[in-house]
C-alpha atoms as a PDB file:
ATOM      1  CA  MET A   1     -46.758  17.772 -26.065  1.00  0.00           C
ATOM      2  CA  ALA A   2     -43.603  16.355 -27.687  1.00  0.00           C
ATOM      3  CA  LYS A   3     -40.875  18.915 -28.085  1.00  0.00           C
ATOM      4  CA  THR A   4     -38.886  19.858 -31.150  1.00  0.00           C
ATOM      5  CA  PRO A   5     -35.235  18.955 -30.612  1.00  0.00           C
ATOM      6  CA  LEU A   6     -32.942  21.883 -29.867  1.00  0.00           C
ATOM      7  CA  LYS A   7     -30.270  20.006 -31.827  1.00  0.00           C
ATOM      8  CA  PRO A   8     -30.830  17.062 -34.185  1.00  0.00           C
ATOM      9  CA  GLU A   9     -27.986  15.055 -32.522  1.00  0.00           C
ATOM     10  CA  ALA A  10     -30.022  15.021 -29.295  1.00  0.00           C
ATOM     11  CA  ILE A  11     -32.365  12.438 -30.870  1.00  0.00           C
ATOM     12  CA  PHE A  12     -29.834  10.274 -32.703  1.00  0.00           C
ATOM     13  CA  LYS A  13     -29.656   7.516 -30.086  1.00  0.00           C
ATOM     14  CA  GLU A  14     -33.439   7.213 -29.674  1.00  0.00           C
ATOM     15  CA  ILE A  15     -34.362   7.420 -33.337  1.00  0.00           C
ATOM     16  CA  THR A  16     -31.692   4.838 -34.187  1.00  0.00           C
ATOM     17  CA  ALA A  17     -33.152   2.467 -31.594  1.00  0.00           C
ATOM     18  CA  ASP A  18     -36.679   2.944 -33.005  1.00  0.00           C
ATOM     19  CA  PHE A  19     -35.683   2.078 -36.584  1.00  0.00           C
ATOM     20  CA  LYS A  20     -33.397  -0.698 -35.530  1.00  0.00           C
ATOM     21  CA  ASN A  21     -36.406  -2.187 -33.735  1.00  0.00           C
ATOM     22  CA  ALA A  22     -38.488  -1.729 -36.881  1.00  0.00           C
ATOM     23  CA  PHE A  23     -36.020  -3.194 -39.412  1.00  0.00           C
ATOM     24  CA  GLU A  24     -33.478  -5.132 -37.329  1.00  0.00           C
ATOM     25  CA  ASP A  25     -30.682  -6.451 -39.603  1.00  0.00           C
ATOM     26  CA  GLU A  26     -32.280  -5.029 -42.746  1.00  0.00           C
ATOM     27  CA  LEU A  27     -31.241  -1.471 -41.654  1.00  0.00           C
ATOM     28  CA  ILE A  28     -28.015  -0.395 -43.393  1.00  0.00           C
ATOM     29  CA  SER A  29     -27.683   3.298 -42.664  1.00  0.00           C
ATOM     30  CA  ILE A  30     -29.387   6.311 -41.031  1.00  0.00           C
ATOM     31  CA  ILE A  31     -28.140   9.654 -42.317  1.00  0.00           C
ATOM     32  CA  LEU A  32     -29.179  13.173 -41.341  1.00  0.00           C
ATOM     33  CA  TYR A  33     -29.244  15.571 -44.312  1.00  0.00           C
ATOM     34  CA  GLY A  34     -30.557  19.007 -45.211  1.00  0.00           C
ATOM     35  CA  SER A  35     -31.270  21.858 -42.803  1.00  0.00           C
ATOM     36  CA  GLY A  36     -30.592  19.756 -39.714  1.00  0.00           C
ATOM     37  CA  ALA A  37     -27.092  19.045 -40.956  1.00  0.00           C
ATOM     38  CA  ARG A  38     -26.207  22.714 -41.433  1.00  0.00           C
ATOM     39  CA  GLN A  39     -24.657  25.141 -38.987  1.00  0.00           C
ATOM     40  CA  ASP A  40     -27.710  27.447 -39.318  1.00  0.00           C
ATOM     41  CA  TYR A  41     -30.270  24.909 -38.020  1.00  0.00           C
ATOM     42  CA  THR A  42     -33.128  26.671 -36.232  1.00  0.00           C
ATOM     43  CA  PRO A  43     -35.364  24.609 -33.865  1.00  0.00           C
ATOM     44  CA  GLY A  44     -39.013  24.695 -34.969  1.00  0.00           C
ATOM     45  CA  ARG A  45     -38.184  26.363 -38.260  1.00  0.00           C
ATOM     46  CA  SER A  46     -35.615  24.113 -39.939  1.00  0.00           C
ATOM     47  CA  ASP A  47     -36.581  20.639 -41.133  1.00  0.00           C
ATOM     48  CA  ILE A  48     -35.036  17.523 -39.691  1.00  0.00           C
ATOM     49  CA  ASN A  49     -34.631  15.025 -42.537  1.00  0.00           C
ATOM     50  CA  PHE A  50     -33.240  11.512 -42.445  1.00  0.00           C
ATOM     51  CA  LEU A  51     -32.253   9.115 -45.256  1.00  0.00           C
ATOM     52  CA  ILE A  52     -32.794   5.553 -44.148  1.00  0.00           C
ATOM     53  CA  VAL A  53     -31.028   2.953 -46.342  1.00  0.00           C
ATOM     54  CA  LEU A  54     -32.467  -0.559 -46.229  1.00  0.00           C
ATOM     55  CA  THR A  55     -31.907  -3.930 -47.796  1.00  0.00           C
ATOM     56  CA  PRO A  56     -34.426  -4.994 -50.434  1.00  0.00           C
ATOM     57  CA  LYS A  57     -36.095  -7.145 -47.785  1.00  0.00           C
ATOM     58  CA  GLY A  58     -36.286  -4.180 -45.445  1.00  0.00           C
ATOM     59  CA  ILE A  59     -37.857  -1.933 -48.096  1.00  0.00           C
ATOM     60  CA  ASP A  60     -40.634  -4.479 -48.424  1.00  0.00           C
ATOM     61  CA  ASN A  61     -41.426  -4.078 -44.710  1.00  0.00           C
ATOM     62  CA  LEU A  62     -42.146  -0.363 -44.526  1.00  0.00           C
ATOM     63  CA  PHE A  63     -45.363  -0.987 -42.552  1.00  0.00           C
ATOM     64  CA  GLY A  64     -43.160  -2.045 -39.711  1.00  0.00           C
ATOM     65  CA  ALA A  65     -41.846   1.552 -39.355  1.00  0.00           C
ATOM     66  CA  VAL A  66     -45.199   3.377 -39.403  1.00  0.00           C
ATOM     67  CA  ASP A  67     -45.395   3.759 -35.640  1.00  0.00           C
ATOM     68  CA  ALA A  68     -41.864   5.172 -35.460  1.00  0.00           C
ATOM     69  CA  VAL A  69     -42.595   7.666 -38.239  1.00  0.00           C
ATOM     70  CA  VAL A  70     -45.763   8.838 -36.542  1.00  0.00           C
ATOM     71  CA  LYS A  71     -43.923   9.233 -33.232  1.00  0.00           C
ATOM     72  CA  TRP A  72     -41.130  11.367 -34.684  1.00  0.00           C
ATOM     73  CA  LYS A  73     -43.412  13.558 -36.819  1.00  0.00           C
ATOM     74  CA  LYS A  74     -44.837  14.812 -33.529  1.00  0.00           C
ATOM     75  CA  ARG A  75     -41.269  16.136 -32.773  1.00  0.00           C
ATOM     76  CA  ASN A  76     -40.882  17.977 -36.083  1.00  0.00           C
ATOM     77  CA  VAL A  77     -38.965  15.156 -37.823  1.00  0.00           C
ATOM     78  CA  ALA A  78     -40.035  14.841 -41.459  1.00  0.00           C
ATOM     79  CA  THR A  79     -41.038  11.458 -42.835  1.00  0.00           C
ATOM     80  CA  PRO A  80     -37.696   9.804 -43.669  1.00  0.00           C
ATOM     81  CA  LEU A  81     -36.564   9.035 -47.202  1.00  0.00           C
ATOM     82  CA  PHE A  82     -36.509   5.195 -47.379  1.00  0.00           C
ATOM     83  CA  MET A  83     -34.265   3.809 -50.126  1.00  0.00           C
ATOM     84  CA  THR A  84     -32.117   0.795 -51.024  1.00  0.00           C
ATOM     85  CA  TRP A  85     -28.564   1.187 -52.267  1.00  0.00           C
ATOM     86  CA  GLU A  86     -29.771   0.190 -55.760  1.00  0.00           C
ATOM     87  CA  ASP A  87     -32.448   2.993 -55.623  1.00  0.00           C
ATOM     88  CA  ILE A  88     -29.688   5.503 -54.865  1.00  0.00           C
ATOM     89  CA  ARG A  89     -27.308   4.240 -57.536  1.00  0.00           C
ATOM     90  CA  ALA A  90     -30.021   4.304 -60.209  1.00  0.00           C
ATOM     91  CA  SER A  91     -31.064   7.846 -59.229  1.00  0.00           C
ATOM     92  CA  LEU A  92     -27.751   9.667 -59.483  1.00  0.00           C
ATOM     93  CA  ASP A  93     -28.130  10.715 -63.150  1.00  0.00           C
ATOM     94  CA  SER A  94     -31.804  11.643 -62.698  1.00  0.00           C
ATOM     95  CA  PHE A  95     -31.564  13.620 -59.394  1.00  0.00           C
ATOM     96  CA  PRO A  96     -27.885  14.657 -59.112  1.00  0.00           C
ATOM     97  CA  VAL A  97     -28.749  18.014 -57.412  1.00  0.00           C
ATOM     98  CA  GLU A  98     -30.625  16.307 -54.554  1.00  0.00           C
ATOM     99  CA  PHE A  99     -28.001  13.678 -53.938  1.00  0.00           C
ATOM    100  CA  LEU A 100     -25.081  16.056 -54.334  1.00  0.00           C
ATOM    101  CA  ASN A 101     -26.582  18.351 -51.703  1.00  0.00           C
ATOM    102  CA  MET A 102     -27.092  15.324 -49.449  1.00  0.00           C
ATOM    103  CA  LYS A 103     -23.473  14.279 -49.958  1.00  0.00           C
ATOM    104  CA  TRP A 104     -22.017  17.638 -48.924  1.00  0.00           C
ATOM    105  CA  GLN A 105     -24.442  18.449 -46.123  1.00  0.00           C
ATOM    106  CA  HIS A 106     -25.001  15.216 -44.112  1.00  0.00           C
ATOM    107  CA  VAL A 107     -24.205  13.629 -40.812  1.00  0.00           C
ATOM    108  CA  PRO A 108     -23.900   9.784 -40.526  1.00  0.00           C
ATOM    109  CA  VAL A 109     -26.083   8.648 -37.649  1.00  0.00           C
ATOM    110  CA  TYR A 110     -25.893   4.859 -37.916  1.00  0.00           C
ATOM    111  CA  GLY A 111     -24.148   2.318 -40.147  1.00  0.00           C
ATOM    112  CA  GLU A 112     -22.303   2.905 -43.357  1.00  0.00           C
ATOM    113  CA  ASP A 113     -21.788   6.413 -44.740  1.00  0.00           C
ATOM    114  CA  ILE A 114     -23.119   5.583 -48.188  1.00  0.00           C
ATOM    115  CA  LEU A 115     -23.278   9.183 -49.378  1.00  0.00           C
ATOM    116  CA  ALA A 116     -19.556   9.842 -48.966  1.00  0.00           C
ATOM    117  CA  ALA A 117     -18.689   7.518 -51.873  1.00  0.00           C
ATOM    118  CA  LEU A 118     -21.076   8.941 -54.426  1.00  0.00           C
ATOM    119  CA  VAL A 119     -19.710  10.562 -57.598  1.00  0.00           C
ATOM    120  CA  PHE A 120     -21.553  12.756 -60.108  1.00  0.00           C
ATOM    121  CA  PRO A 121     -20.751  13.517 -63.778  1.00  0.00           C
ATOM    122  CA  SER A 122     -20.955  17.254 -64.402  1.00  0.00           C
ATOM    123  CA  GLU A 123     -23.274  17.345 -67.430  1.00  0.00           C
ATOM    124  CA  PRO A 124     -26.345  15.685 -65.846  1.00  0.00           C
ATOM    125  CA  LEU A 125     -25.877  18.068 -62.900  1.00  0.00           C
ATOM    126  CA  ARG A 126     -25.800  21.157 -65.103  1.00  0.00           C
ATOM    127  CA  LEU A 127     -28.834  20.021 -67.054  1.00  0.00           C
ATOM    128  CA  GLN A 128     -30.888  19.475 -63.921  1.00  0.00           C
ATOM    129  CA  ILE A 129     -29.927  22.852 -62.494  1.00  0.00           C
ATOM    130  CA  GLU A 130     -31.054  24.399 -65.735  1.00  0.00           C
ATOM    131  CA  ARG A 131     -34.375  22.545 -65.650  1.00  0.00           C
ATOM    132  CA  GLU A 132     -34.985  23.385 -61.983  1.00  0.00           C
ATOM    133  CA  PHE A 133     -34.396  27.061 -62.493  1.00  0.00           C
ATOM    134  CA  LYS A 134     -36.858  27.180 -65.418  1.00  0.00           C
ATOM    135  CA  ALA A 135     -39.440  25.324 -63.420  1.00  0.00           C
ATOM    136  CA  LYS A 136     -38.869  27.647 -60.430  1.00  0.00           C
ATOM    137  CA  ILE A 137     -39.563  30.687 -62.599  1.00  0.00           C
ATOM    138  CA  LEU A 138     -42.949  29.248 -63.669  1.00  0.00           C
ATOM    139  CA  HIS A 139     -43.717  28.313 -60.091  1.00  0.00           C
ATOM    140  CA  LEU A 140     -42.969  31.801 -58.802  1.00  0.00           C
ATOM    141  CA  ARG A 141     -45.019  33.483 -61.508  1.00  0.00           C
ATOM    142  CA  LYS A 142     -47.973  31.233 -60.804  1.00  0.00           C
ATOM    143  CA  GLY A 143     -47.460  31.623 -57.087  1.00  0.00           C
ATOM    144  CA  LEU A 144     -47.462  35.402 -57.366  1.00  0.00           C
ATOM    145  CA  MET A 145     -50.903  35.315 -58.934  1.00  0.00           C
ATOM    146  CA  GLU A 146     -52.164  32.835 -56.309  1.00  0.00           C
ATOM    147  CA  THR A 147     -51.010  35.057 -53.433  1.00  0.00           C
ATOM    148  CA  GLU A 148     -53.415  37.782 -54.762  1.00  0.00           C
ATOM    149  CA  GLY A 149     -50.742  40.212 -53.772  1.00  0.00           C
ATOM    150  CA  ARG A 150     -51.242  39.562 -50.049  1.00  0.00           C
ATOM    151  CA  GLU A 151     -48.193  40.197 -47.940  1.00  0.00           C
ATOM    152  CA  LYS A 152     -48.493  37.076 -45.742  1.00  0.00           C
ATOM    153  CA  ARG A 153     -48.789  34.781 -48.796  1.00  0.00           C
ATOM    154  CA  LEU A 154     -45.873  36.482 -50.558  1.00  0.00           C
ATOM    155  CA  ARG A 155     -43.721  36.062 -47.488  1.00  0.00           C
ATOM    156  CA  GLN A 156     -44.552  32.358 -47.355  1.00  0.00           C
ATOM    157  CA  LEU A 157     -43.808  31.934 -51.056  1.00  0.00           C
ATOM    158  CA  ILE A 158     -40.396  33.503 -50.556  1.00  0.00           C
ATOM    159  CA  ARG A 159     -39.682  31.287 -47.514  1.00  0.00           C
ATOM    160  CA  VAL A 160     -40.566  28.077 -49.301  1.00  0.00           C
ATOM    161  CA  SER A 161     -38.922  28.835 -52.626  1.00  0.00           C
ATOM    162  CA  LEU A 162     -35.700  30.168 -51.105  1.00  0.00           C
ATOM    163  CA  THR A 163     -34.864  26.842 -49.535  1.00  0.00           C
ATOM    164  CA  ALA A 164     -34.946  25.169 -52.941  1.00  0.00           C
ATOM    165  CA  LEU A 165     -32.960  27.979 -54.543  1.00  0.00           C
ATOM    166  CA  ALA A 166     -30.236  27.650 -51.922  1.00  0.00           C
ATOM    167  CA  ALA A 167     -29.890  24.013 -52.943  1.00  0.00           C
ATOM    168  CA  LEU A 168     -29.556  25.017 -56.591  1.00  0.00           C
ATOM    169  CA  PHE A 169     -26.925  27.625 -55.802  1.00  0.00           C
ATOM    170  CA  GLU A 170     -25.090  24.992 -53.851  1.00  0.00           C
ATOM    171  CA  ALA A 171     -25.109  22.689 -56.856  1.00  0.00           C
ATOM    172  CA  MET A 172     -23.876  25.572 -59.067  1.00  0.00           C
ATOM    173  CA  LEU A 173     -20.908  25.965 -56.745  1.00  0.00           C
ATOM    174  CA  HIS A 174     -20.179  22.259 -56.976  1.00  0.00           C
ATOM    175  CA  LEU A 175     -20.359  22.490 -60.772  1.00  0.00           C
ATOM    176  CA  LYS A 176     -17.550  25.090 -60.671  1.00  0.00           C
ATOM    177  CA  ASN A 177     -15.611  23.028 -58.126  1.00  0.00           C
ATOM    178  CA  ILE A 178     -15.953  25.748 -55.503  1.00  0.00           C
ATOM    179  CA  GLU A 179     -16.101  24.776 -51.838  1.00  0.00           C
ATOM    180  CA  VAL A 180     -19.621  25.158 -50.510  1.00  0.00           C
ATOM    181  CA  PRO A 181     -20.167  27.215 -47.295  1.00  0.00           C
ATOM    182  CA  LYS A 182     -22.050  25.643 -44.385  1.00  0.00           C
ATOM    183  CA  THR A 183     -24.761  28.343 -44.145  1.00  0.00           C
ATOM    184  CA  ARG A 184     -27.354  29.702 -46.597  1.00  0.00           C
ATOM    185  CA  ARG A 185     -25.970  33.203 -46.267  1.00  0.00           C
ATOM    186  CA  GLY A 186     -22.515  31.912 -47.063  1.00  0.00           C
ATOM    187  CA  ILE A 187     -23.858  30.065 -50.092  1.00  0.00           C
ATOM    188  CA  PHE A 188     -25.555  33.198 -51.453  1.00  0.00           C
ATOM    189  CA  GLN A 189     -22.356  35.236 -50.991  1.00  0.00           C
ATOM    190  CA  ALA A 190     -20.226  32.562 -52.685  1.00  0.00           C
ATOM    191  CA  ALA A 191     -22.750  32.359 -55.593  1.00  0.00           C
ATOM    192  CA  ALA A 192     -22.519  36.135 -55.923  1.00  0.00           C
ATOM    193  CA  GLU A 193     -18.744  35.970 -56.221  1.00  0.00           C
ATOM    194  CA  ALA A 194     -18.800  33.066 -58.694  1.00  0.00           C
ATOM    195  CA  PHE A 195     -21.792  33.965 -60.865  1.00  0.00           C
ATOM    196  CA  ALA A 196     -22.427  37.679 -60.137  1.00  0.00           C
ATOM    197  CA  VAL A 197     -25.874  37.085 -58.673  1.00  0.00           C
ATOM    198  CA  ASP A 198     -27.324  39.703 -56.330  1.00  0.00           C
ATOM    199  CA  ALA A 199     -26.299  38.517 -52.869  1.00  0.00           C
ATOM    200  CA  ALA A 200     -27.930  41.487 -51.104  1.00  0.00           C
ATOM    201  CA  LEU A 201     -31.313  40.601 -52.598  1.00  0.00           C
ATOM    202  CA  PHE A 202     -31.085  36.972 -51.427  1.00  0.00           C
ATOM    203  CA  MET A 203     -29.898  38.131 -47.982  1.00  0.00           C
ATOM    204  CA  LYS A 204     -33.073  40.168 -47.669  1.00  0.00           C
ATOM    205  CA  CYS A 205     -35.105  37.102 -48.655  1.00  0.00           C
ATOM    206  CA  GLU A 206     -33.254  35.092 -46.037  1.00  0.00           C
ATOM    207  CA  ASP A 207     -34.172  37.751 -43.462  1.00  0.00           C
ATOM    208  CA  ILE A 208     -37.784  37.075 -44.384  1.00  0.00           C
ATOM    209  CA  ARG A 209     -37.297  33.348 -44.097  1.00  0.00           C
ATOM    210  CA  GLU A 210     -35.798  33.787 -40.636  1.00  0.00           C
ATOM    211  CA  GLY A 211     -38.458  36.284 -39.565  1.00  0.00           C
ATOM    212  CA  LYS A 212     -35.948  39.031 -39.043  1.00  0.00           C
ATOM    213  CA  ASP A 213     -37.110  41.721 -41.483  1.00  0.00           C
ATOM    214  CA  ARG A 214     -39.273  44.803 -40.938  1.00  0.00           C
ATOM    215  CA  LEU A 215     -40.425  45.378 -44.484  1.00  0.00           C
ATOM    216  CA  SER A 216     -43.832  46.877 -45.277  1.00  0.00           C
ATOM    217  CA  SER A 217     -46.416  45.256 -47.524  1.00  0.00           C
ATOM    218  CA  ALA A 218     -45.397  47.533 -50.437  1.00  0.00           C
ATOM    219  CA  GLU A 219     -41.727  46.703 -49.836  1.00  0.00           C
ATOM    220  CA  ILE A 220     -42.450  42.945 -49.893  1.00  0.00           C
ATOM    221  CA  ARG A 221     -44.273  43.269 -53.214  1.00  0.00           C
ATOM    222  CA  SER A 222     -41.378  45.232 -54.714  1.00  0.00           C
ATOM    223  CA  LEU A 223     -38.807  42.764 -53.324  1.00  0.00           C
ATOM    224  CA  PHE A 224     -40.714  39.833 -54.760  1.00  0.00           C
ATOM    225  CA  ILE A 225     -40.592  41.321 -58.265  1.00  0.00           C
ATOM    226  CA  GLU A 226     -36.830  41.829 -57.936  1.00  0.00           C
ATOM    227  CA  TYR A 227     -36.532  38.307 -56.561  1.00  0.00           C
ATOM    228  CA  LEU A 228     -38.344  36.873 -59.597  1.00  0.00           C
ATOM    229  CA  LYS A 229     -36.186  38.896 -61.948  1.00  0.00           C
ATOM    230  CA  GLU A 230     -32.964  37.701 -60.320  1.00  0.00           C
ATOM    231  CA  VAL A 231     -34.070  34.043 -60.452  1.00  0.00           C
ATOM    232  CA  SER A 232     -34.806  34.471 -64.161  1.00  0.00           C
ATOM    233  CA  ARG A 233     -31.433  36.147 -64.715  1.00  0.00           C
ATOM    234  CA  THR A 234     -29.632  33.337 -62.878  1.00  0.00           C
ATOM    235  CA  SER A 235     -31.476  30.817 -65.095  1.00  0.00           C
ATOM    236  CA  ASP A 236     -30.017  32.607 -68.124  1.00  0.00           C
ATOM    237  CA  ILE A 237     -26.554  32.344 -66.619  1.00  0.00           C
ATOM    238  CA  ILE A 238     -26.865  28.558 -66.319  1.00  0.00           C
ATOM    239  CA  ASP A 239     -28.477  28.274 -69.702  1.00  0.00           C
ATOM    240  CA  HIS A 240     -25.492  29.900 -71.376  1.00  0.00           C
ATOM    241  CA  LEU A 241     -22.868  28.312 -69.195  1.00  0.00           C
ATOM    242  CA  ALA A 242     -20.662  26.177 -71.375  1.00  0.00           C
ATOM    243  CA  SER A 243     -20.349  22.629 -70.115  1.00  0.00           C
ATOM    244  CA  GLU A 244     -16.697  22.595 -69.111  1.00  0.00           C
ATOM    245  CA  HIS A 245     -14.719  19.446 -68.507  1.00  0.00           C
ATOM    246  CA  GLN A 246     -14.946  18.877 -64.791  1.00  0.00           C
ATOM    247  CA  PRO A 247     -13.812  16.036 -62.557  1.00  0.00           C
ATOM    248  CA  GLU A 248     -16.520  13.963 -60.996  1.00  0.00           C
ATOM    249  CA  TYR A 249     -17.492  15.171 -57.541  1.00  0.00           C
END
């Protein structure tokens, strides 16, 4: 059975060769982003995500990379995000949170470091953060009902949702021009200092995500209610945050 890499950089050379073989001169960049680019990467638990930037001709030849994608999925590498430079440029005002998080948490693997040069106006960023928090509240309320109150399902809902929330907190820190820590726990602590969110609560949720807690079923149910309340309160903070004049990031 193919093994999950202990460190993402252990596969850089081989994965570059595979996609170079698939796209040849149409391959512009390979960039690691997300969990794998953080200091708190955990083998088998953290995702390994790559952005692969192609020429327009290359993007029309995605079938040529199917075998490589199948091969690497067996080693816990997510299906890469395939884009052209024009795709990225046209997406910055629609998905500033995603691309901002990529910019600040990425490792160039091959070719041009396209993400380093990206800039983001503050207002589209604030608006997306606001929308994402409101959507997250609805998702968590619906998810609570779908768990039927079962501990295992509640734990999974916390694990999955916390990853997205960490990205939103990271974007909030960018919005205030605050340096973003390299770990999730650092991000939660920085957000607590900047926005008065409950860091201790999110640390408990991170314990659950990492499989380190010893909470009972009743304690998980109680924690989830507090978690949902805090997400809702944070949404209100963003909703009432005046859009200040900020430099582009």
